[in-house]
């Protein structure tokens, strides 16, 4: 995998131009989605992901802030792909039982 450094100390770009947190396999958008979904502060993100330093977290959040439009578009495309795969994948018997148990016929 080819890694390209950025001007953000803890962020590199993969060959596909996906920003990653240095020394991990975590994408910047994964951290951002956790922050958005749970309303977590940088300190809470550090608590939830103790293998990330606060410097790495703040660097990822800064990268997102400076590239928000581009990364939001990436998130949107990834979620659309998940929805497409979900609709094309037949439900298993387990899925059906869970839906019935939860009243989601």
Protein backbone atom coordinates (compact mmCIF):
# COMPACT_ATOMS: atom_id res chain seq x y z
CA UNK A 1 0.00 0.00 0.00
CA UNK A 2 1.35 3.41 -0.91
CA UNK A 3 1.05 5.99 1.87
CA UNK A 4 1.39 9.73 1.30
CA UNK A 5 2.09 12.15 4.13
CA UNK A 6 -0.09 15.20 4.59
CA UNK A 7 0.48 18.52 6.34
CA UNK A 8 -1.48 17.03 9.25
CA UNK A 9 0.99 15.39 11.62
CA UNK A 10 -1.06 12.26 12.31
CA UNK A 11 -2.84 11.82 8.96
CA UNK A 12 -1.67 10.02 5.82
CA UNK A 13 -3.42 9.33 2.52
CA UNK A 14 -3.69 5.85 1.04
CA UNK A 15 -3.16 5.16 -2.63
CA UNK A 16 -6.92 5.70 -3.05
CA UNK A 17 -6.58 9.13 -1.34
CA UNK A 18 -8.39 7.91 1.79
CA UNK A 19 -7.16 9.74 4.90
CA UNK A 20 -5.99 7.38 7.66
CA UNK A 21 -4.77 7.99 11.18
CA UNK A 22 -1.03 7.18 11.24
CA UNK A 23 -0.14 3.83 12.76
CA UNK A 24 -3.71 2.53 12.62
CA UNK A 25 -6.19 1.23 10.10
CA UNK A 26 -8.80 3.78 11.20
CA UNK A 27 -10.06 6.10 8.50
CA UNK A 28 -10.70 9.73 9.41
CA UNK A 29 -14.33 9.30 8.34
CA UNK A 30 -14.78 6.37 10.75
CA UNK A 31 -13.74 8.57 13.66
CA UNK A 32 -15.92 11.42 12.42
CA UNK A 33 -18.94 9.12 12.08
CA UNK A 34 -18.44 7.95 15.68
CA UNK A 35 -18.28 11.57 16.82
CA UNK A 36 -21.41 12.51 14.88
CA UNK A 37 -23.43 9.42 15.80
CA UNK A 38 -22.70 9.63 19.51
CA UNK A 39 -22.00 13.32 20.04
CA UNK A 40 -18.65 12.47 21.59
CA UNK A 41 -15.98 15.03 22.42
CA UNK A 42 -12.33 14.42 21.54
CA UNK A 43 -11.76 13.27 25.11
CA UNK A 44 -14.63 10.77 24.89
CA UNK A 45 -13.31 9.52 21.55
CA UNK A 46 -9.96 8.98 23.28
CA UNK A 47 -11.72 7.04 26.04
CA UNK A 48 -13.57 4.89 23.49
CA UNK A 49 -10.47 4.39 21.32
CA UNK A 50 -7.60 4.36 23.83
CA UNK A 51 -5.11 3.29 21.16
CA UNK A 52 -5.54 6.76 19.59
CA UNK A 53 -3.73 9.68 21.17
CA UNK A 54 -5.51 12.99 21.64
CA UNK A 55 -3.09 14.40 19.06
CA UNK A 56 -4.22 11.82 16.51
CA UNK A 57 -7.87 12.56 17.28
CA UNK A 58 -7.50 16.33 17.06
CA UNK A 59 -5.49 15.98 13.85
CA UNK A 60 -8.22 13.78 12.32
CA UNK A 61 -10.93 16.24 13.35
CA UNK A 62 -8.90 19.15 11.94
CA UNK A 63 -8.43 17.27 8.67
CA UNK A 64 -12.17 16.67 8.51
CA UNK A 65 -12.95 20.32 9.23
CA UNK A 66 -10.64 21.43 6.41
CA UNK A 67 -11.97 18.81 3.94
CA UNK A 68 -15.57 18.49 5.13
CA UNK A 69 -17.33 18.76 1.79
CA UNK A 70 -15.11 16.12 0.17
CA UNK A 71 -15.33 13.73 3.13
CA UNK A 72 -19.08 14.18 3.53
CA UNK A 73 -19.45 13.19 -0.12
CA UNK A 74 -17.30 10.10 0.54
CA UNK A 75 -19.48 9.19 3.54
CA UNK A 76 -22.62 9.65 1.45
CA UNK A 77 -21.28 7.37 -1.30
CA UNK A 78 -20.24 4.69 1.19
CA UNK A 79 -23.65 4.73 2.89
CA UNK A 80 -25.38 4.50 -0.50
CA UNK A 81 -23.26 1.45 -1.32
CA UNK A 82 -24.20 -0.16 2.00
CA UNK A 83 -27.89 0.48 1.28
CA UNK A 84 -27.52 -1.00 -2.20
CA UNK A 85 -25.82 -4.12 -0.87
CA UNK A 86 -28.41 -4.45 1.88
CA UNK A 87 -31.31 -4.33 -0.58
CA UNK A 88 -29.63 -6.85 -2.91
CA UNK A 89 -28.80 -9.33 -0.15
CA UNK A 90 -31.54 -11.82 0.68
CA UNK A 91 -32.54 -11.98 4.32
CA UNK A 92 -31.54 -15.07 6.22
CA UNK A 93 -33.82 -17.05 8.47
CA UNK A 94 -32.12 -15.39 11.46
CA UNK A 95 -32.99 -11.95 10.09
CA UNK A 96 -36.59 -13.00 9.69
CA UNK A 97 -36.81 -14.39 13.24
CA UNK A 98 -35.32 -11.21 14.70
CA UNK A 99 -37.75 -9.05 12.73
CA UNK A 100 -40.68 -11.15 13.96
CA UNK A 101 -39.45 -11.02 17.57
CA UNK A 102 -39.18 -7.23 17.35
CA UNK A 103 -42.51 -6.86 15.62
CA UNK A 104 -40.95 -5.59 12.38
CA UNK A 105 -42.73 -7.96 9.97
